[in-house]
Amino acid sequence: MKKVARFVVALILAVALGGAFSASQVLAARHKVDCDKVMQELKAGKKPKNVAKDLKISRSSVYRCRRRERLAEKKASKKAKPAASPAGAPAAH
């Protein structure tokens, strides 16, 4: 009888722990970071640590938003510049 009780308790514990872990993963997946808000705060002069604390997000999320913004700016500047002709190419007349 004790073996059955131990098994039942272990089973209940396993189900409870498994549900807790999957619930936290679901909550994390639903939590989206507002990178526009992050960038507003950074451009206003706040430090990444303070932005993360104020917005209740991780510092890595702040750095990720900043990196994405920089990449988007690079991509936009490359599109704005026309491709330069190679130095050795003859000029078209």
PDB file of N, CA and C in Angstrom:
ATOM      1  N   MET A   1       0.808  -1.183   0.000  1.00  0.00           N
ATOM      2  CA  MET A   1       0.000   0.000   0.000  1.00  0.00           C
ATOM      3  C   MET A   1       0.865   1.267   0.000  1.00  0.00           C
ATOM      4  N   LYS A   2       1.963   1.226   0.740  1.00  0.00           N
ATOM      5  CA  LYS A   2       2.849   2.381   0.793  1.00  0.00           C
ATOM      6  C   LYS A   2       3.489   2.643  -0.568  1.00  0.00           C
ATOM      7  N   LYS A   3       3.777   1.567  -1.290  1.00  0.00           N
ATOM      8  CA  LYS A   3       4.376   1.724  -2.612  1.00  0.00           C
ATOM      9  C   LYS A   3       3.416   2.440  -3.551  1.00  0.00           C
ATOM     10  N   VAL A   4       2.154   2.116  -3.485  1.00  0.00           N
ATOM     11  CA  VAL A   4       1.152   2.738  -4.334  1.00  0.00           C
ATOM     12  C   VAL A   4       1.020   4.221  -3.969  1.00  0.00           C
ATOM     13  N   ALA A   5       1.021   4.528  -2.684  1.00  0.00           N
ATOM     14  CA  ALA A   5       0.902   5.912  -2.230  1.00  0.00           C
ATOM     15  C   ALA A   5       2.109   6.728  -2.699  1.00  0.00           C
ATOM     16  N   ARG A   6       3.297   6.144  -2.601  1.00  0.00           N
ATOM     17  CA  ARG A   6       4.505   6.833  -3.063  1.00  0.00           C
ATOM     18  C   ARG A   6       4.445   7.088  -4.566  1.00  0.00           C
ATOM     19  N   PHE A   7       3.963   6.098  -5.292  1.00  0.00           N
ATOM     20  CA  PHE A   7       3.852   6.240  -6.735  1.00  0.00           C
ATOM     21  C   PHE A   7       2.876   7.357  -7.097  1.00  0.00           C
ATOM     22  N   VAL A   8       1.746   7.395  -6.420  1.00  0.00           N
ATOM     23  CA  VAL A   8       0.736   8.421  -6.685  1.00  0.00           C
ATOM     24  C   VAL A   8       1.296   9.806  -6.373  1.00  0.00           C
ATOM     25  N   VAL A   9       1.986   9.935  -5.252  1.00  0.00           N
ATOM     26  CA  VAL A   9       2.575  11.221  -4.876  1.00  0.00           C
ATOM     27  C   VAL A   9       3.629  11.632  -5.908  1.00  0.00           C
ATOM     28  N   ALA A  10       4.461  10.711  -6.332  1.00  0.00           N
ATOM     29  CA  ALA A  10       5.489  11.003  -7.327  1.00  0.00           C
ATOM     30  C   ALA A  10       4.854  11.416  -8.656  1.00  0.00           C
ATOM     31  N   LEU A  11       3.783  10.744  -9.032  1.00  0.00           N
ATOM     32  CA  LEU A  11       3.089  11.058 -10.271  1.00  0.00           C
ATOM     33  C   LEU A  11       2.475  12.467 -10.208  1.00  0.00           C
ATOM     34  N   ILE A  12       1.842  12.780  -9.097  1.00  0.00           N
ATOM     35  CA  ILE A  12       1.246  14.109  -8.925  1.00  0.00           C
ATOM     36  C   ILE A  12       2.324  15.187  -8.968  1.00  0.00           C
ATOM     37  N   LEU A  13       3.428  14.927  -8.309  1.00  0.00           N
ATOM     38  CA  LEU A  13       4.534  15.875  -8.293  1.00  0.00           C
ATOM     39  C   LEU A  13       5.104  16.075  -9.701  1.00  0.00           C
ATOM     40  N   ALA A  14       5.265  15.003 -10.433  1.00  0.00           N
ATOM     41  CA  ALA A  14       5.796  15.099 -11.798  1.00  0.00           C
ATOM     42  C   ALA A  14       4.863  15.900 -12.699  1.00  0.00           C
ATOM     43  N   VAL A  15       3.568  15.679 -12.578  1.00  0.00           N
ATOM     44  CA  VAL A  15       2.600  16.406 -13.392  1.00  0.00           C
ATOM     45  C   VAL A  15       2.602  17.887 -13.015  1.00  0.00           C
ATOM     46  N   ALA A  16       2.662  18.151 -11.710  1.00  0.00           N
ATOM     47  CA  ALA A  16       2.657  19.550 -11.261  1.00  0.00           C
ATOM     48  C   ALA A  16       3.903  20.283 -11.740  1.00  0.00           C
ATOM     49  N   LEU A  17       5.060  19.666 -11.633  1.00  0.00           N
ATOM     50  CA  LEU A  17       6.299  20.306 -12.088  1.00  0.00           C
ATOM     51  C   LEU A  17       6.313  20.474 -13.604  1.00  0.00           C
ATOM     52  N   GLY A  18       5.848  19.488 -14.301  1.00  0.00           N
ATOM     53  CA  GLY A  18       5.799  19.573 -15.758  1.00  0.00           C
ATOM     54  C   GLY A  18       4.876  20.687 -16.214  1.00  0.00           C
ATOM     55  N   GLY A  19       3.760  20.860 -15.553  1.00  0.00           N
ATOM     56  CA  GLY A  19       2.832  21.939 -15.885  1.00  0.00           C
ATOM     57  C   GLY A  19       3.414  23.296 -15.568  1.00  0.00           C
ATOM     58  N   ALA A  20       4.165  23.392 -14.486  1.00  0.00           N
ATOM     59  CA  ALA A  20       4.760  24.673 -14.105  1.00  0.00           C
ATOM     60  C   ALA A  20       5.813  25.103 -15.124  1.00  0.00           C
ATOM     61  N   PHE A  21       6.617  24.172 -15.574  1.00  0.00           N
ATOM     62  CA  PHE A  21       7.662  24.515 -16.539  1.00  0.00           C
ATOM     63  C   PHE A  21       7.069  24.916 -17.880  1.00  0.00           C
ATOM     64  N   SER A  22       6.068  24.187 -18.337  1.00  0.00           N
ATOM     65  CA  SER A  22       5.489  24.531 -19.632  1.00  0.00           C
ATOM     66  C   SER A  22       4.723  25.851 -19.548  1.00  0.00           C
ATOM     67  N   ALA A  23       4.103  26.146 -18.413  1.00  0.00           N
ATOM     68  CA  ALA A  23       3.382  27.408 -18.266  1.00  0.00           C
ATOM     69  C   ALA A  23       4.347  28.591 -18.319  1.00  0.00           C
ATOM     70  N   SER A  24       5.506  28.457 -17.700  1.00  0.00           N
ATOM     71  CA  SER A  24       6.460  29.563 -17.727  1.00  0.00           C
ATOM     72  C   SER A  24       7.003  29.766 -19.134  1.00  0.00           C
ATOM     73  N   GLN A  25       7.172  28.703 -19.880  1.00  0.00           N
ATOM     74  CA  GLN A  25       7.637  28.829 -21.249  1.00  0.00           C
ATOM     75  C   GLN A  25       6.592  29.498 -22.125  1.00  0.00           C
ATOM     76  N   VAL A  26       5.333  29.197 -21.896  1.00  0.00           N
ATOM     77  CA  VAL A  26       4.258  29.818 -22.656  1.00  0.00           C
ATOM     78  C   VAL A  26       4.199  31.303 -22.339  1.00  0.00           C
ATOM     79  N   LEU A  27       4.319  31.657 -21.069  1.00  0.00           N
ATOM     80  CA  LEU A  27       4.289  33.063 -20.695  1.00  0.00           C
ATOM     81  C   LEU A  27       5.467  33.812 -21.299  1.00  0.00           C
ATOM     82  N   ALA A  28       6.624  33.183 -21.312  1.00  0.00           N
ATOM     83  CA  ALA A  28       7.800  33.823 -21.900  1.00  0.00           C
ATOM     84  C   ALA A  28       7.625  34.002 -23.402  1.00  0.00           C
ATOM     85  N   ALA A  29       7.012  33.045 -24.062  1.00  0.00           N
ATOM     86  CA  ALA A  29       6.812  33.133 -25.506  1.00  0.00           C
ATOM     87  C   ALA A  29       5.802  34.222 -25.854  1.00  0.00           C
ATOM     88  N   ARG A  30       4.838  34.474 -24.975  1.00  0.00           N
ATOM     89  CA  ARG A  30       3.830  35.487 -25.254  1.00  0.00           C
ATOM     90  C   ARG A  30       4.325  36.892 -24.933  1.00  0.00           C
ATOM     91  N   HIS A  31       5.367  37.002 -24.140  1.00  0.00           N
ATOM     92  CA  HIS A  31       5.874  38.314 -23.746  1.00  0.00           C
ATOM     93  C   HIS A  31       6.718  38.885 -24.880  1.00  0.00           C
ATOM     94  N   LYS A  32       6.205  39.935 -25.486  1.00  0.00           N
ATOM     95  CA  LYS A  32       6.915  40.579 -26.586  1.00  0.00           C
ATOM     96  C   LYS A  32       7.513  41.871 -26.082  1.00  0.00           C
ATOM     97  N   VAL A  33       8.713  42.158 -26.518  1.00  0.00           N
ATOM     98  CA  VAL A  33       9.392  43.384 -26.136  1.00  0.00           C
ATOM     99  C   VAL A  33       9.054  44.471 -27.150  1.00  0.00           C
ATOM    100  N   ASP A  34       8.677  45.635 -26.662  1.00  0.00           N
ATOM    101  CA  ASP A  34       8.364  46.777 -27.520  1.00  0.00           C
ATOM    102  C   ASP A  34       9.679  47.497 -27.821  1.00  0.00           C
ATOM    103  N   CYS A  35      10.303  47.125 -28.933  1.00  0.00           N
ATOM    104  CA  CYS A  35      11.609  47.695 -29.284  1.00  0.00           C
ATOM    105  C   CYS A  35      11.518  49.183 -29.579  1.00  0.00           C
ATOM    106  N   ASP A  36      10.371  49.646 -30.046  1.00  0.00           N
ATOM    107  CA  ASP A  36      10.215  51.089 -30.281  1.00  0.00           C
ATOM    108  C   ASP A  36      10.333  51.851 -28.968  1.00  0.00           C
ATOM    109  N   LYS A  37       9.696  51.346 -27.931  1.00  0.00           N
ATOM    110  CA  LYS A  37       9.767  51.977 -26.611  1.00  0.00           C
ATOM    111  C   LYS A  37      11.192  51.908 -26.065  1.00  0.00           C
ATOM    112  N   VAL A  38      11.838  50.765 -26.253  1.00  0.00           N
ATOM    113  CA  VAL A  38      13.226  50.601 -25.806  1.00  0.00           C
ATOM    114  C   VAL A  38      14.121  51.634 -26.483  1.00  0.00           C
ATOM    115  N   MET A  39      13.961  51.800 -27.790  1.00  0.00           N
ATOM    116  CA  MET A  39      14.804  52.744 -28.520  1.00  0.00           C
ATOM    117  C   MET A  39      14.516  54.192 -28.121  1.00  0.00           C
ATOM    118  N   GLN A  40      13.263  54.511 -27.823  1.00  0.00           N
ATOM    119  CA  GLN A  40      12.943  55.854 -27.339  1.00  0.00           C
ATOM    120  C   GLN A  40      13.694  56.142 -26.045  1.00  0.00           C
ATOM    121  N   GLU A  41      13.699  55.161 -25.156  1.00  0.00           N
ATOM    122  CA  GLU A  41      14.374  55.329 -23.870  1.00  0.00           C
ATOM    123  C   GLU A  41      15.881  55.471 -24.062  1.00  0.00           C
ATOM    124  N   LEU A  42      16.452  54.643 -24.933  1.00  0.00           N
ATOM    125  CA  LEU A  42      17.898  54.707 -25.171  1.00  0.00           C
ATOM    126  C   LEU A  42      18.289  56.029 -25.825  1.00  0.00           C
ATOM    127  N   LYS A  43      17.496  56.477 -26.778  1.00  0.00           N
ATOM    128  CA  LYS A  43      17.795  57.737 -27.462  1.00  0.00           C
ATOM    129  C   LYS A  43      17.611  58.942 -26.541  1.00  0.00           C
ATOM    130  N   ALA A  44      16.819  58.758 -25.484  1.00  0.00           N
ATOM    131  CA  ALA A  44      16.635  59.822 -24.492  1.00  0.00           C
ATOM    132  C   ALA A  44      17.823  59.897 -23.536  1.00  0.00           C
ATOM    133  N   GLY A  45      18.755  58.941 -23.664  1.00  0.00           N
ATOM    134  CA  GLY A  45      19.970  58.988 -22.863  1.00  0.00           C
ATOM    135  C   GLY A  45      20.027  58.015 -21.711  1.00  0.00           C
ATOM    136  N   LYS A  46      19.026  57.153 -21.590  1.00  0.00           N
ATOM    137  CA  LYS A  46      19.043  56.179 -20.495  1.00  0.00           C
ATOM    138  C   LYS A  46      20.041  55.065 -20.786  1.00  0.00           C
ATOM    139  N   LYS A  47      20.580  54.499 -19.744  1.00  0.00           N
ATOM    140  CA  LYS A  47      21.478  53.351 -19.851  1.00  0.00           C
ATOM    141  C   LYS A  47      20.648  52.079 -20.057  1.00  0.00           C
ATOM    142  N   PRO A  48      21.205  51.088 -20.763  1.00  0.00           N
ATOM    143  CA  PRO A  48      20.469  49.837 -20.984  1.00  0.00           C
ATOM    144  C   PRO A  48      19.972  49.181 -19.689  1.00  0.00           C
ATOM    145  N   LYS A  49      20.771  49.257 -18.650  1.00  0.00           N
ATOM    146  CA  LYS A  49      20.380  48.660 -17.368  1.00  0.00           C
ATOM    147  C   LYS A  49      19.116  49.332 -16.827  1.00  0.00           C
ATOM    148  N   ASN A  50      19.056  50.663 -16.921  1.00  0.00           N
ATOM    149  CA  ASN A  50      17.895  51.401 -16.419  1.00  0.00           C
ATOM    150  C   ASN A  50      16.664  51.183 -17.291  1.00  0.00           C
ATOM    151  N   VAL A  51      16.876  51.086 -18.605  1.00  0.00           N
ATOM    152  CA  VAL A  51      15.756  50.820 -19.517  1.00  0.00           C
ATOM    153  C   VAL A  51      15.153  49.462 -19.190  1.00  0.00           C
ATOM    154  N   ALA A  52      16.009  48.473 -19.001  1.00  0.00           N
ATOM    155  CA  ALA A  52      15.535  47.122 -18.685  1.00  0.00           C
ATOM    156  C   ALA A  52      14.745  47.121 -17.381  1.00  0.00           C
ATOM    157  N   LYS A  53      15.252  47.820 -16.402  1.00  0.00           N
ATOM    158  CA  LYS A  53      14.572  47.867 -15.105  1.00  0.00           C
ATOM    159  C   LYS A  53      13.228  48.572 -15.225  1.00  0.00           C
ATOM    160  N   ASP A  54      13.197  49.708 -15.924  1.00  0.00           N
ATOM    161  CA  ASP A  54      11.963  50.477 -16.064  1.00  0.00           C
ATOM    162  C   ASP A  54      10.885  49.726 -16.842  1.00  0.00           C
ATOM    163  N   LEU A  55      11.301  49.021 -17.893  1.00  0.00           N
ATOM    164  CA  LEU A  55      10.343  48.301 -18.739  1.00  0.00           C
ATOM    165  C   LEU A  55      10.106  46.866 -18.280  1.00  0.00           C
ATOM    166  N   LYS A  56      10.806  46.467 -17.225  1.00  0.00           N
ATOM    167  CA  LYS A  56      10.679  45.112 -16.655  1.00  0.00           C
ATOM    168  C   LYS A  56      10.986  44.036 -17.692  1.00  0.00           C
ATOM    169  N   ILE A  57      12.125  44.245 -18.375  1.00  0.00           N
ATOM    170  CA  ILE A  57      12.614  43.269 -19.342  1.00  0.00           C
ATOM    171  C   ILE A  57      14.081  42.994 -19.020  1.00  0.00           C
ATOM    172  N   SER A  58      14.666  42.024 -19.676  1.00  0.00           N
ATOM    173  CA  SER A  58      16.070  41.708 -19.427  1.00  0.00           C
ATOM    174  C   SER A  58      16.971  42.673 -20.189  1.00  0.00           C
ATOM    175  N   ARG A  59      18.202  42.805 -19.707  1.00  0.00           N
ATOM    176  CA  ARG A  59      19.167  43.658 -20.400  1.00  0.00           C
ATOM    177  C   ARG A  59      19.463  43.110 -21.783  1.00  0.00           C
ATOM    178  N   SER A  60      19.471  41.786 -21.907  1.00  0.00           N
ATOM    179  CA  SER A  60      19.753  41.201 -23.223  1.00  0.00           C
ATOM    180  C   SER A  60      18.674  41.592 -24.231  1.00  0.00           C
ATOM    181  N   SER A  61      17.433  41.771 -23.779  1.00  0.00           N
ATOM    182  CA  SER A  61      16.370  42.231 -24.678  1.00  0.00           C
ATOM    183  C   SER A  61      16.637  43.650 -25.139  1.00  0.00           C
ATOM    184  N   VAL A  62      17.155  44.488 -24.246  1.00  0.00           N
ATOM    185  CA  VAL A  62      17.490  45.866 -24.614  1.00  0.00           C
ATOM    186  C   VAL A  62      18.593  45.856 -25.663  1.00  0.00           C
ATOM    187  N   TYR A  63      19.634  45.065 -25.419  1.00  0.00           N
ATOM    188  CA  TYR A  63      20.743  44.981 -26.371  1.00  0.00           C
ATOM    189  C   TYR A  63      20.279  44.401 -27.710  1.00  0.00           C
ATOM    190  N   ARG A  64      19.356  43.442 -27.669  1.00  0.00           N
ATOM    191  CA  ARG A  64      18.830  42.846 -28.900  1.00  0.00           C
ATOM    192  C   ARG A  64      18.083  43.898 -29.721  1.00  0.00           C
ATOM    193  N   CYS A  65      17.262  44.714 -29.065  1.00  0.00           N
ATOM    194  CA  CYS A  65      16.537  45.785 -29.764  1.00  0.00           C
ATOM    195  C   CYS A  65      17.517  46.787 -30.372  1.00  0.00           C
ATOM    196  N   ARG A  66      18.555  47.131 -29.615  1.00  0.00           N
ATOM    197  CA  ARG A  66      19.537  48.093 -30.111  1.00  0.00           C
ATOM    198  C   ARG A  66      20.276  47.534 -31.314  1.00  0.00           C
ATOM    199  N   ARG A  67      20.624  46.247 -31.256  1.00  0.00           N
ATOM    200  CA  ARG A  67      21.321  45.608 -32.380  1.00  0.00           C
ATOM    201  C   ARG A  67      20.433  45.567 -33.620  1.00  0.00           C
ATOM    202  N   ARG A  68      19.153  45.232 -33.451  1.00  0.00           N
ATOM    203  CA  ARG A  68      18.232  45.191 -34.586  1.00  0.00           C
ATOM    204  C   ARG A  68      18.067  46.571 -35.211  1.00  0.00           C
ATOM    205  N   GLU A  69      18.023  47.601 -34.368  1.00  0.00           N
ATOM    206  CA  GLU A  69      17.906  48.968 -34.872  1.00  0.00           C
ATOM    207  C   GLU A  69      19.132  49.341 -35.692  1.00  0.00           C
ATOM    208  N   ARG A  70      20.298  49.004 -35.198  1.00  0.00           N
ATOM    209  CA  ARG A  70      21.536  49.318 -35.922  1.00  0.00           C
ATOM    210  C   ARG A  70      21.602  48.582 -37.252  1.00  0.00           C
ATOM    211  N   LEU A  71      21.196  47.313 -37.263  1.00  0.00           N
ATOM    212  CA  LEU A  71      21.197  46.545 -38.506  1.00  0.00           C
ATOM    213  C   LEU A  71      20.205  47.143 -39.506  1.00  0.00           C
ATOM    214  N   ALA A  72      19.050  47.571 -39.022  1.00  0.00           N
ATOM    215  CA  ALA A  72      18.057  48.175 -39.910  1.00  0.00           C
ATOM    216  C   ALA A  72      18.578  49.488 -40.488  1.00  0.00           C
ATOM    217  N   GLU A  73      19.295  50.270 -39.669  1.00  0.00           N
ATOM    218  CA  GLU A  73      19.877  51.518 -40.162  1.00  0.00           C
ATOM    219  C   GLU A  73      20.941  51.244 -41.218  1.00  0.00           C
ATOM    220  N   LYS A  74      21.765  50.228 -40.989  1.00  0.00           N
ATOM    221  CA  LYS A  74      22.794  49.861 -41.977  1.00  0.00           C
ATOM    222  C   LYS A  74      22.151  49.458 -43.295  1.00  0.00           C
ATOM    223  N   LYS A  75      21.113  48.634 -43.189  1.00  0.00           N
ATOM    224  CA  LYS A  75      20.442  48.142 -44.387  1.00  0.00           C
ATOM    225  C   LYS A  75      19.806  49.305 -45.150  1.00  0.00           C
ATOM    226  N   ALA A  76      19.222  50.240 -44.427  1.00  0.00           N
ATOM    227  CA  ALA A  76      18.592  51.399 -45.071  1.00  0.00           C
ATOM    228  C   ALA A  76      19.633  52.291 -45.733  1.00  0.00           C
ATOM    229  N   SER A  77      20.785  52.456 -45.093  1.00  0.00           N
ATOM    230  CA  SER A  77      21.824  53.307 -45.685  1.00  0.00           C
ATOM    231  C   SER A  77      22.437  52.653 -46.914  1.00  0.00           C
ATOM    232  N   LYS A  78      22.514  51.329 -46.945  1.00  0.00           N
ATOM    233  CA  LYS A  78      23.034  50.642 -48.125  1.00  0.00           C
ATOM    234  C   LYS A  78      22.082  50.776 -49.299  1.00  0.00           C
ATOM    235  N   LYS A  79      20.770  50.764 -49.013  1.00  0.00           N
ATOM    236  CA  LYS A  79      19.790  50.906 -50.085  1.00  0.00           C
ATOM    237  C   LYS A  79      19.785  52.331 -50.628  1.00  0.00           C
ATOM    238  N   ALA A  80      20.054  53.293 -49.777  1.00  0.00           N
ATOM    239  CA  ALA A  80      20.021  54.703 -50.188  1.00  0.00           C
ATOM    240  C   ALA A  80      21.204  55.050 -51.075  1.00  0.00           C
ATOM    241  N   LYS A  81      22.359  54.422 -50.866  1.00  0.00           N
ATOM    242  CA  LYS A  81      23.547  54.707 -51.665  1.00  0.00           C
ATOM    243  C   LYS A  81      23.519  53.888 -52.950  1.00  0.00           C
ATOM    244  N   PRO A  82      23.750  54.523 -54.098  1.00  0.00           N
ATOM    245  CA  PRO A  82      23.839  53.741 -55.333  1.00  0.00           C
ATOM    246  C   PRO A  82      25.153  52.966 -55.350  1.00  0.00           C
ATOM    247  N   ALA A  83      25.156  51.862 -56.032  1.00  0.00           N
ATOM    248  CA  ALA A  83      26.360  51.039 -56.109  1.00  0.00           C
ATOM    249  C   ALA A  83      27.439  51.777 -56.893  1.00  0.00           C
ATOM    250  N   ALA A  84      28.606  51.884 -56.319  1.00  0.00           N
ATOM    251  CA  ALA A  84      29.718  52.560 -56.986  1.00  0.00           C
ATOM    252  C   ALA A  84      30.335  51.619 -58.007  1.00  0.00           C
ATOM    253  N   SER A  85      30.811  52.201 -59.111  1.00  0.00           N
ATOM    254  CA  SER A  85      31.445  51.364 -60.123  1.00  0.00           C
ATOM    255  C   SER A  85      32.843  51.004 -59.646  1.00  0.00           C
ATOM    256  N   PRO A  86      33.340  49.845 -60.027  1.00  0.00           N
ATOM    257  CA  PRO A  86      34.692  49.436 -59.623  1.00  0.00           C
ATOM    258  C   PRO A  86      35.747  50.425 -60.145  1.00  0.00           C
ATOM    259  N   ALA A  87      36.848  50.542 -59.436  1.00  0.00           N
ATOM    260  CA  ALA A  87      37.880  51.519 -59.777  1.00  0.00           C
ATOM    261  C   ALA A  87      38.468  51.268 -61.180  1.00  0.00           C
ATOM    262  N   GLY A  88      38.584  50.037 -61.591  1.00  0.00           N
ATOM    263  CA  GLY A  88      39.208  49.717 -62.866  1.00  0.00           C
ATOM    264  C   GLY A  88      38.256  49.720 -64.036  1.00  0.00           C
ATOM    265  N   ALA A  89      36.994  49.945 -63.807  1.00  0.00           N
ATOM    266  CA  ALA A  89      35.997  49.884 -64.878  1.00  0.00           C
ATOM    267  C   ALA A  89      36.042  51.167 -65.699  1.00  0.00           C
ATOM    268  N   PRO A  90      35.930  51.049 -67.024  1.00  0.00           N
ATOM    269  CA  PRO A  90      35.929  52.247 -67.871  1.00  0.00           C
ATOM    270  C   PRO A  90      34.631  53.011 -67.678  1.00  0.00           C
ATOM    271  N   ALA A  91      34.705  54.314 -67.801  1.00  0.00           N
ATOM    272  CA  ALA A  91      33.534  55.157 -67.652  1.00  0.00           C
ATOM    273  C   ALA A  91      32.671  55.062 -68.899  1.00  0.00           C
ATOM    274  N   ALA A  92      31.387  55.030 -68.715  1.00  0.00           N
ATOM    275  CA  ALA A  92      30.454  54.967 -69.853  1.00  0.00           C
ATOM    276  C   ALA A  92      30.295  56.343 -70.468  1.00  0.00           C
ATOM    277  N   HIS A  93      30.259  56.413 -71.809  1.00  0.00           N
ATOM    278  CA  HIS A  93      30.124  57.709 -72.496  1.00  0.00           C
ATOM    279  C   HIS A  93      28.799  57.808 -73.143  1.00  0.00           C
TER     280      HIS A  93
END
